[in-house]
């Protein structure tokens, strides 16, 4: 039986202008809201309905205010009603965000409960118990090991693009390996997009159904708010990402746009004439990253990036051995290494690793961007290719800017520097110049 006045409130809501509906909902008594939730489908917009068909991951990639959180909460609630034995994972960037947004928030699971529907929320142990008997458990992407072992029927991952650093991938992998309970395990991801590795990885996984949307698509938002946001941010990179839900991959002035790298990818056709290994040695002996990249020159006069053998956290002897291994694997004719950071030491450790290794030390008289620009031009001309996918290297390349800045991972583009040294020696040096031709 509906609470007194609830039917009238629902009728008032149906007749109200869309811009006024959210305010009406906010002013409803809690008993009316729970009754109103029974008819959620009446006011949900198209992007909030879960897709039909055989999908494994439902990715809602949309701008702020689109209604992603409510869509996730409604889907989890429905799964809990339909599968009383279900175990559900709730994963956010932090435990606090799961609690504040996914569980206790105005569009969270407690707010989505229907009339006469009980949900037991136990914040100290991070567990929700639905009236059906289904249970949901709180996890943080900051503590990925807690996802190792538990099995789940369903999962809701919120703001995936905010999951931090290397722990993000581990958390996702541990979650997915535990999605083996029930007849058809499924995951919903609700996020505003950002150009991070995990985001791009999930977007390309098999079995993904993607829903795209913009802030303005949610007609329940106050028109004044939408108009103000568009006035301030429409057309800007921030607005395209946060309001329109676009994946803004390229940094401003990127020397290597992602589309360019994707275009310049193919297998090596035939025999290689020469191979050079470029090395960007770590600064000092503190175990920083050492960039190691092998590039070959094909009989067609084109260059091919063969391997990113970069290493981190090793002693000088350790990274020198990695250089020697890479050179031996591809039968490189020489190793090109920057000598700015202790040239004598660089040469001595490389010689110690392999006394027969031809070494050419080069001095960085220009900034990173100035050295990289001629190499980026080889990509644009279509004469330098990636013979495979080198994710870590490519993330550094797309972070290099023509103006001299760097917005990629890490403090310095060590892998990208190594590529630039190798490509310069192989294709822009005295011997390489004659070999560069468009065929």
Protein backbone atom coordinates (compact mmCIF):
# COMPACT_ATOMS: atom_id res chain seq x y z
CA UNK A 1 0.00 0.00 0.00
CA UNK A 2 1.37 3.40 -0.93
CA UNK A 3 1.97 6.12 1.70
CA UNK A 4 -0.68 8.81 2.03
CA UNK A 5 -0.19 11.40 -0.70
CA UNK A 6 2.43 9.38 -2.59
CA UNK A 7 0.19 8.74 -5.59
CA UNK A 8 -0.60 12.45 -5.83
CA UNK A 9 3.11 13.30 -5.62
CA UNK A 10 3.86 10.88 -8.44
CA UNK A 11 1.13 12.41 -10.58
CA UNK A 12 2.48 15.90 -9.84
CA UNK A 13 5.92 14.74 -10.88
CA UNK A 14 4.64 13.35 -14.18
CA UNK A 15 3.01 16.66 -15.06
CA UNK A 16 5.88 18.89 -13.93
CA UNK A 17 8.33 20.39 -16.42
CA UNK A 18 11.49 18.29 -16.65
CA UNK A 19 13.63 21.09 -15.24
CA UNK A 20 11.51 21.11 -12.06
CA UNK A 21 11.40 17.37 -11.42
CA UNK A 22 14.69 17.06 -9.56
CA UNK A 23 13.68 19.75 -7.07
CA UNK A 24 10.34 18.02 -6.49
CA UNK A 25 12.14 14.73 -5.80
CA UNK A 26 14.52 16.45 -3.37
CA UNK A 27 11.60 17.86 -1.39
CA UNK A 28 9.70 14.55 -1.15
CA UNK A 29 9.44 12.82 2.25
CA UNK A 30 11.57 9.67 2.48
CA UNK A 31 8.47 7.45 2.41
CA UNK A 32 7.36 9.07 -0.85
CA UNK A 33 10.81 8.65 -2.39
CA UNK A 34 10.84 4.92 -1.68
CA UNK A 35 7.42 4.59 -3.31
CA UNK A 36 8.59 6.77 -6.17
CA UNK A 37 11.55 4.42 -6.71
CA UNK A 38 9.06 1.73 -7.71
CA UNK A 39 8.41 3.75 -10.85
CA UNK A 40 12.00 4.79 -11.50
CA UNK A 41 11.73 3.58 -15.08
CA UNK A 42 9.16 6.33 -15.76
CA UNK A 43 11.65 9.14 -15.28
CA UNK A 44 14.95 7.44 -16.22
CA UNK A 45 16.44 8.56 -19.52
CA UNK A 46 17.53 6.13 -22.23
CA UNK A 47 21.19 6.04 -21.19
CA UNK A 48 20.29 4.70 -17.73
CA UNK A 49 18.57 1.51 -18.85
CA UNK A 50 20.86 -1.50 -18.85
CA UNK A 51 21.31 -3.09 -22.26
CA UNK A 52 19.76 -6.31 -23.42
CA UNK A 53 21.73 -9.13 -24.96
CA UNK A 54 24.84 -11.04 -24.07
CA UNK A 55 27.24 -8.50 -22.57
CA UNK A 56 29.91 -9.05 -19.94
CA UNK A 57 30.81 -5.44 -19.13
CA UNK A 58 28.48 -2.45 -19.34
CA UNK A 59 30.60 0.67 -19.57
CA UNK A 60 28.74 3.94 -18.96
CA UNK A 61 31.23 6.56 -20.17
CA UNK A 62 29.54 9.91 -19.77
CA UNK A 63 29.84 13.46 -18.48
CA UNK A 64 29.16 14.61 -14.95
CA UNK A 65 25.51 14.69 -13.94
CA UNK A 66 24.50 12.22 -16.65
CA UNK A 67 22.96 9.88 -14.05
CA UNK A 68 25.69 7.23 -14.05
CA UNK A 69 25.55 6.60 -10.32
CA UNK A 70 21.81 6.12 -10.25
CA UNK A 71 22.02 3.76 -13.22
CA UNK A 72 24.65 1.69 -11.41
CA UNK A 73 22.65 1.63 -8.18
CA UNK A 74 19.44 0.60 -9.95
CA UNK A 75 21.21 -2.19 -11.81
CA UNK A 76 22.82 -3.56 -8.64
CA UNK A 77 19.48 -3.35 -6.80
CA UNK A 78 17.74 -5.27 -9.58
CA UNK A 79 20.41 -7.98 -9.60
CA UNK A 80 20.06 -8.30 -5.82
CA UNK A 81 16.27 -8.75 -6.18
CA UNK A 82 16.58 -11.32 -8.96
CA UNK A 83 19.45 -13.36 -7.48
CA UNK A 84 18.92 -13.72 -3.71
CA UNK A 85 22.17 -15.66 -3.32
CA UNK A 86 24.26 -13.08 -5.16
CA UNK A 87 27.57 -11.71 -3.91
CA UNK A 88 28.23 -8.26 -5.39
CA UNK A 89 31.46 -6.25 -5.43
CA UNK A 90 31.30 -2.47 -5.05
CA UNK A 91 34.65 -1.03 -6.14
CA UNK A 92 35.65 2.63 -6.09
CA UNK A 93 38.83 4.66 -6.06
CA UNK A 94 38.75 4.65 -2.23
CA UNK A 95 36.61 3.08 0.49
CA UNK A 96 35.36 6.54 1.43
CA UNK A 97 34.14 7.20 -2.13
CA UNK A 98 32.30 3.88 -2.23
CA UNK A 99 30.57 4.78 1.02
CA UNK A 100 29.78 8.43 0.18
CA UNK A 101 28.74 7.93 -3.45
CA UNK A 102 27.79 4.35 -4.22
CA UNK A 103 26.11 3.45 -0.93
CA UNK A 104 25.04 6.54 1.04
CA UNK A 105 24.94 9.15 -1.74
CA UNK A 106 21.77 10.80 -3.06
CA UNK A 107 21.83 8.44 -6.06
CA UNK A 108 23.37 5.49 -4.22
CA UNK A 109 22.05 2.10 -3.20
CA UNK A 110 20.28 3.21 -0.03
CA UNK A 111 18.53 6.02 -1.91
CA UNK A 112 17.42 3.60 -4.65
CA UNK A 113 15.59 1.28 -2.23
CA UNK A 114 11.92 0.72 -2.95
CA UNK A 115 8.92 0.87 -0.63
CA UNK A 116 8.96 -1.99 1.91
CA UNK A 117 12.46 -2.96 0.75
CA UNK A 118 14.97 -3.37 3.57
CA UNK A 119 18.72 -2.93 3.21
CA UNK A 120 21.06 -3.55 6.11
CA UNK A 121 24.13 -1.33 5.85
CA UNK A 122 27.09 -2.25 8.04
CA UNK A 123 29.73 0.42 7.37
CA UNK A 124 32.29 -0.91 9.84
CA UNK A 125 32.62 -4.15 7.91
CA UNK A 126 31.77 -2.65 4.51
CA UNK A 127 28.79 -4.86 3.77
CA UNK A 128 25.23 -4.36 2.52
CA UNK A 129 22.58 -7.03 3.09
CA UNK A 130 19.57 -6.73 0.77
CA UNK A 131 16.10 -7.87 1.72
CA UNK A 132 16.39 -10.77 -0.72
CA UNK A 133 19.47 -12.09 1.06
CA UNK A 134 21.96 -10.88 -1.57
CA UNK A 135 25.06 -9.21 -0.17
CA UNK A 136 27.33 -6.48 -1.51
CA UNK A 137 30.88 -5.81 -0.32
CA UNK A 138 32.93 -2.61 -0.38
CA UNK A 139 36.38 -2.64 -2.00
CA UNK A 140 38.94 0.04 -2.76
CA UNK A 141 41.14 0.13 -5.85
CA UNK A 142 43.88 1.33 -3.48
CA UNK A 143 43.88 -2.10 -1.80
CA UNK A 144 43.78 -4.49 -4.77
CA UNK A 145 44.89 -7.54 -2.78
CA UNK A 146 41.55 -7.60 -0.96
CA UNK A 147 39.98 -8.48 -4.30
CA UNK A 148 42.25 -11.48 -4.68
CA UNK A 149 40.28 -14.57 -3.75
CA UNK A 150 36.63 -13.45 -3.26
CA UNK A 151 34.19 -14.66 -5.93
CA UNK A 152 31.31 -12.51 -7.15
CA UNK A 153 28.23 -12.79 -9.33
CA UNK A 154 28.12 -9.09 -10.14
CA UNK A 155 30.26 -5.99 -9.68
CA UNK A 156 29.84 -2.24 -9.89
CA UNK A 157 33.00 -0.21 -10.51
CA UNK A 158 32.64 3.55 -10.11
CA UNK A 159 34.90 6.28 -11.57
CA UNK A 160 37.33 3.79 -13.07
CA UNK A 161 39.40 6.63 -14.56
CA UNK A 162 40.19 7.86 -11.02
CA UNK A 163 41.70 4.57 -9.89
CA UNK A 164 45.32 5.39 -9.16
CA UNK A 165 48.61 4.15 -10.59
CA UNK A 166 49.69 0.53 -10.94
CA UNK A 167 47.25 -0.60 -8.25
CA UNK A 168 44.39 0.18 -10.64
CA UNK A 169 45.34 -2.59 -13.08
CA UNK A 170 45.91 -5.06 -10.25
CA UNK A 171 42.54 -4.25 -8.70
CA UNK A 172 40.78 -4.71 -12.06
CA UNK A 173 42.58 -7.99 -12.80
CA UNK A 174 41.87 -9.41 -9.33
CA UNK A 175 38.21 -8.42 -9.64
CA UNK A 176 37.80 -9.97 -13.08
CA UNK A 177 39.50 -13.20 -12.03
CA UNK A 178 36.91 -13.48 -9.25
CA UNK A 179 33.93 -12.94 -11.57
CA UNK A 180 33.18 -16.65 -11.73
CA UNK A 181 30.13 -17.06 -9.56
CA UNK A 182 26.64 -17.70 -10.90
CA UNK A 183 25.41 -18.38 -14.38
CA UNK A 184 26.38 -15.10 -16.02
CA UNK A 185 28.76 -12.82 -14.07
CA UNK A 186 28.57 -9.20 -15.16
CA UNK A 187 30.27 -5.89 -14.36
CA UNK A 188 28.94 -2.34 -14.65
CA UNK A 189 31.47 0.49 -14.92
CA UNK A 190 30.28 4.07 -14.37
CA UNK A 191 32.87 6.74 -15.08
CA UNK A 192 33.72 10.11 -16.53
CA UNK A 193 36.51 9.30 -19.00
CA UNK A 194 40.14 10.24 -18.62
CA UNK A 195 43.00 9.11 -20.87
CA UNK A 196 44.47 6.51 -18.52
CA UNK A 197 45.75 3.09 -19.46
CA UNK A 198 43.08 1.09 -17.60
CA UNK A 199 40.29 3.14 -19.16
CA UNK A 200 41.53 2.45 -22.68
CA UNK A 201 42.09 -1.20 -21.83
CA UNK A 202 38.53 -1.75 -20.59
CA UNK A 203 37.10 0.06 -23.62
CA UNK A 204 38.72 -2.48 -25.96
CA UNK A 205 37.91 -5.65 -24.00
CA UNK A 206 35.65 -8.29 -25.59
CA UNK A 207 32.07 -8.39 -24.39
CA UNK A 208 31.85 -4.66 -23.61
CA UNK A 209 28.64 -2.73 -24.23
CA UNK A 210 29.32 1.00 -24.07
CA UNK A 211 26.82 3.74 -23.27
CA UNK A 212 28.00 7.27 -24.07
CA UNK A 213 26.39 10.43 -22.82
CA UNK A 214 26.68 14.11 -22.00
CA UNK A 215 25.70 16.17 -18.97
CA UNK A 216 22.98 17.89 -21.00
CA UNK A 217 21.36 14.50 -21.79
CA UNK A 218 20.00 14.33 -18.24
CA UNK A 219 16.89 16.47 -18.58
CA UNK A 220 16.28 16.33 -14.83
CA UNK A 221 19.23 18.63 -14.16
CA UNK A 222 18.34 22.29 -13.59
CA UNK A 223 18.54 24.16 -16.87
CA UNK A 224 20.44 26.98 -15.13
CA UNK A 225 23.19 24.57 -14.09
CA UNK A 226 23.57 23.11 -17.58
CA UNK A 227 23.57 26.57 -19.16
CA UNK A 228 26.22 27.81 -16.74
CA UNK A 229 28.46 24.82 -17.36
CA UNK A 230 28.16 25.16 -21.12
CA UNK A 231 28.83 28.89 -20.95
CA UNK A 232 32.02 28.32 -18.97
CA UNK A 233 33.37 25.11 -20.47
CA UNK A 234 31.74 24.31 -23.83
CA UNK A 235 34.39 23.60 -26.46
CA UNK A 236 37.26 23.43 -23.97
CA UNK A 237 39.25 20.25 -23.34
CA UNK A 238 37.89 20.14 -19.78
CA UNK A 239 34.33 20.60 -21.00
CA UNK A 240 34.65 17.95 -23.67
CA UNK A 241 35.91 15.49 -21.07
CA UNK A 242 33.83 16.35 -18.00
CA UNK A 243 30.58 17.46 -19.66
CA UNK A 244 30.51 15.63 -22.99
CA UNK A 245 32.18 12.43 -21.79
CA UNK A 246 34.79 12.47 -24.54
CA UNK A 247 38.07 10.63 -24.16
CA UNK A 248 40.60 13.43 -24.68
CA UNK A 249 43.66 11.35 -25.41
CA UNK A 250 46.11 13.84 -26.83
CA UNK A 251 47.86 16.45 -24.73
CA UNK A 252 47.96 19.95 -26.29
CA UNK A 253 50.66 20.16 -28.94
CA UNK A 254 51.48 16.45 -28.79
CA UNK A 255 54.35 15.49 -31.08
CA UNK A 256 52.89 11.99 -31.34
CA UNK A 257 49.07 12.04 -31.45
CA UNK A 258 47.64 8.62 -30.64
CA UNK A 259 46.05 8.36 -34.07
CA UNK A 260 49.47 8.81 -35.66
CA UNK A 261 50.99 5.96 -33.64
CA UNK A 262 48.01 3.73 -34.41
CA UNK A 263 48.43 4.46 -38.13
CA UNK A 264 52.16 3.69 -38.06
CA UNK A 265 51.87 0.09 -36.93
CA UNK A 266 52.74 -2.91 -39.10
CA UNK A 267 54.93 -6.01 -39.22
CA UNK A 268 58.45 -5.89 -40.63
CA UNK A 269 58.24 -6.82 -44.33
CA UNK A 270 61.25 -8.97 -45.01
CA UNK A 271 64.86 -8.67 -43.97
CA UNK A 272 66.40 -5.88 -41.90
CA UNK A 273 69.54 -4.17 -43.17
CA UNK A 274 70.65 -2.58 -39.90
CA UNK A 275 69.59 -2.52 -36.25
CA UNK A 276 70.50 0.09 -33.67
CA UNK A 277 69.75 0.07 -29.94
CA UNK A 278 69.12 3.45 -28.34
CA UNK A 279 69.85 3.91 -24.64
CA UNK A 280 68.85 6.69 -22.25
CA UNK A 281 70.95 5.88 -19.16
CA UNK A 282 69.60 6.63 -15.69
CA UNK A 283 70.90 9.73 -13.94
CA UNK A 284 73.43 8.48 -11.42
CA UNK A 285 73.44 5.06 -9.78
CA UNK A 286 70.22 5.22 -7.80
CA UNK A 287 68.37 2.60 -9.83
CA UNK A 288 66.23 4.96 -11.96
CA UNK A 289 64.71 3.80 -15.26
CA UNK A 290 66.97 3.07 -18.21
CA UNK A 291 65.37 3.50 -21.64
CA UNK A 292 66.36 0.74 -24.10
CA UNK A 293 64.75 0.65 -27.56
CA UNK A 294 65.76 -1.34 -30.66
CA UNK A 295 64.97 -0.01 -34.16
CA UNK A 296 65.73 -1.74 -37.45
CA UNK A 297 66.06 -0.41 -41.00
CA UNK A 298 64.22 -2.48 -43.57
CA UNK A 299 65.13 -3.13 -47.19
CA UNK A 300 62.26 -0.77 -48.06
CA UNK A 301 64.16 2.10 -46.44
CA UNK A 302 61.64 2.34 -43.59
CA UNK A 303 62.44 2.10 -39.90
CA UNK A 304 60.74 -0.39 -37.55
CA UNK A 305 60.62 -0.17 -33.77
CA UNK A 306 61.35 -3.75 -32.78
CA UNK A 307 61.41 -3.76 -28.99
CA UNK A 308 61.15 -1.70 -25.85
CA UNK A 309 63.56 -3.47 -23.51
CA UNK A 310 63.66 -0.68 -20.92
CA UNK A 311 64.31 -1.62 -17.31
CA UNK A 312 63.95 0.14 -13.95
CA UNK A 313 65.41 -0.24 -10.49
CA UNK A 314 68.63 -1.94 -11.60
CA UNK A 315 72.26 -1.19 -10.84
CA UNK A 316 74.51 0.09 -13.66
CA UNK A 317 75.68 -3.47 -14.19
CA UNK A 318 72.06 -4.63 -14.36
CA UNK A 319 70.84 -2.17 -16.96
CA UNK A 320 74.05 -2.57 -18.98
CA UNK A 321 73.39 -6.32 -19.13
CA UNK A 322 69.85 -5.58 -20.36
CA UNK A 323 71.31 -3.39 -23.12
CA UNK A 324 73.74 -6.13 -24.13
CA UNK A 325 70.94 -8.73 -24.19
CA UNK A 326 68.78 -6.51 -26.42
CA UNK A 327 71.69 -5.83 -28.80
CA UNK A 328 72.49 -9.53 -29.03
CA UNK A 329 68.89 -10.54 -29.60
CA UNK A 330 68.55 -8.27 -32.63
CA UNK A 331 72.19 -8.48 -33.77
CA UNK A 332 72.53 -4.72 -33.48
CA UNK A 333 75.40 -3.06 -35.28
CA UNK A 334 75.82 -0.52 -32.47
CA UNK A 335 74.43 0.99 -29.30
CA UNK A 336 73.74 4.72 -29.15
CA UNK A 337 73.74 6.15 -25.63
CA UNK A 338 73.47 9.63 -24.19
CA UNK A 339 76.69 10.65 -22.44
CA UNK A 340 75.41 13.71 -20.57
CA UNK A 341 74.80 11.64 -17.46
CA UNK A 342 78.30 10.37 -16.73
CA UNK A 343 79.60 9.50 -20.17
CA UNK A 344 82.71 7.63 -18.99
CA UNK A 345 80.67 5.52 -16.59
CA UNK A 346 78.08 4.72 -19.28
CA UNK A 347 80.74 3.52 -21.69
CA UNK A 348 82.61 1.51 -19.06
CA UNK A 349 79.56 -0.40 -17.79
CA UNK A 350 78.40 -1.15 -21.34
CA UNK A 351 81.87 -2.39 -22.29
CA UNK A 352 81.96 -4.53 -19.17
CA UNK A 353 78.64 -6.10 -20.11
CA UNK A 354 79.88 -6.94 -23.61
CA UNK A 355 83.42 -6.01 -24.62
CA UNK A 356 82.63 -6.48 -28.33
CA UNK A 357 79.65 -4.10 -28.27
CA UNK A 358 80.16 -1.10 -30.61
CA UNK A 359 79.14 2.00 -28.62
CA UNK A 360 78.43 5.49 -29.88
CA UNK A 361 78.04 8.16 -27.20
CA UNK A 362 76.01 11.23 -28.15
CA UNK A 363 75.68 14.57 -26.41
CA UNK A 364 72.25 16.09 -25.80
CA UNK A 365 72.85 19.68 -26.86
CA UNK A 366 69.13 20.32 -27.49
CA UNK A 367 66.03 19.86 -25.35
CA UNK A 368 64.02 16.66 -25.51
CA UNK A 369 61.29 18.14 -27.71
CA UNK A 370 63.77 19.66 -30.17
CA UNK A 371 65.53 16.28 -30.52
CA UNK A 372 62.22 14.47 -30.87
CA UNK A 373 60.61 16.67 -33.53
CA UNK A 374 62.59 15.29 -36.52
CA UNK A 375 61.80 11.75 -35.38
CA UNK A 376 58.09 12.55 -35.03
CA UNK A 377 58.27 13.86 -38.59
CA UNK A 378 59.44 10.42 -39.75
CA UNK A 379 56.16 9.03 -38.38
CA UNK A 380 54.18 11.71 -40.18
CA UNK A 381 55.99 10.94 -43.44
CA UNK A 382 55.06 7.29 -43.01
CA UNK A 383 58.61 5.92 -42.89
CA UNK A 384 58.93 4.90 -39.22
CA UNK A 385 56.70 2.12 -37.88
CA UNK A 386 55.96 0.17 -34.71
CA UNK A 387 56.32 -3.56 -35.34
CA UNK A 388 53.98 -4.33 -32.46
CA UNK A 389 52.31 -2.59 -29.51
CA UNK A 390 54.65 -1.01 -26.97
CA UNK A 391 52.24 0.42 -24.41
CA UNK A 392 54.70 1.94 -21.94
CA UNK A 393 56.82 3.50 -24.69
CA UNK A 394 53.78 4.86 -26.50
CA UNK A 395 52.43 6.46 -23.31
CA UNK A 396 55.66 8.45 -23.07
CA UNK A 397 55.62 9.42 -26.74
CA UNK A 398 52.11 10.87 -26.55
CA UNK A 399 53.17 12.92 -23.53
CA UNK A 400 55.89 14.84 -25.41
CA UNK A 401 54.82 18.31 -26.53
CA UNK A 402 56.15 20.48 -29.34
CA UNK A 403 56.51 23.41 -26.94
CA UNK A 404 58.94 21.41 -24.85
CA UNK A 405 56.64 20.11 -22.11
CA UNK A 406 56.03 16.53 -21.00
CA UNK A 407 52.68 15.27 -19.70
CA UNK A 408 53.31 11.54 -19.80
CA UNK A 409 53.93 8.99 -17.05
CA UNK A 410 56.95 9.26 -14.78
CA UNK A 411 59.34 12.11 -14.24
CA UNK A 412 61.10 11.76 -17.57
CA UNK A 413 60.40 10.06 -20.94
CA UNK A 414 63.31 7.61 -20.71
CA UNK A 415 61.89 5.15 -23.24
CA UNK A 416 60.96 7.90 -25.68
CA UNK A 417 64.47 9.39 -25.40
CA UNK A 418 65.98 6.00 -26.21
CA UNK A 419 63.77 5.73 -29.30
CA UNK A 420 64.81 9.21 -30.42
CA UNK A 421 68.53 8.37 -30.09
CA UNK A 422 68.14 5.12 -32.06
CA UNK A 423 65.97 6.64 -34.81
CA UNK A 424 68.29 9.63 -35.18
CA UNK A 425 71.33 7.39 -35.63
CA UNK A 426 69.56 4.96 -37.93
CA UNK A 427 67.53 7.28 -40.15
CA UNK A 428 68.75 10.85 -39.71
CA UNK A 429 72.50 10.36 -39.38
CA UNK A 430 75.03 10.59 -42.19
CA UNK A 431 74.55 6.95 -43.23
CA UNK A 432 70.86 6.87 -42.47
CA UNK A 433 69.88 9.91 -44.51
CA UNK A 434 70.41 8.23 -47.85
CA UNK A 435 68.29 5.27 -46.75
CA UNK A 436 65.20 7.32 -45.88
CA UNK A 437 62.90 7.35 -48.86
CA UNK A 438 59.18 7.03 -49.41
CA UNK A 439 58.27 3.84 -51.30
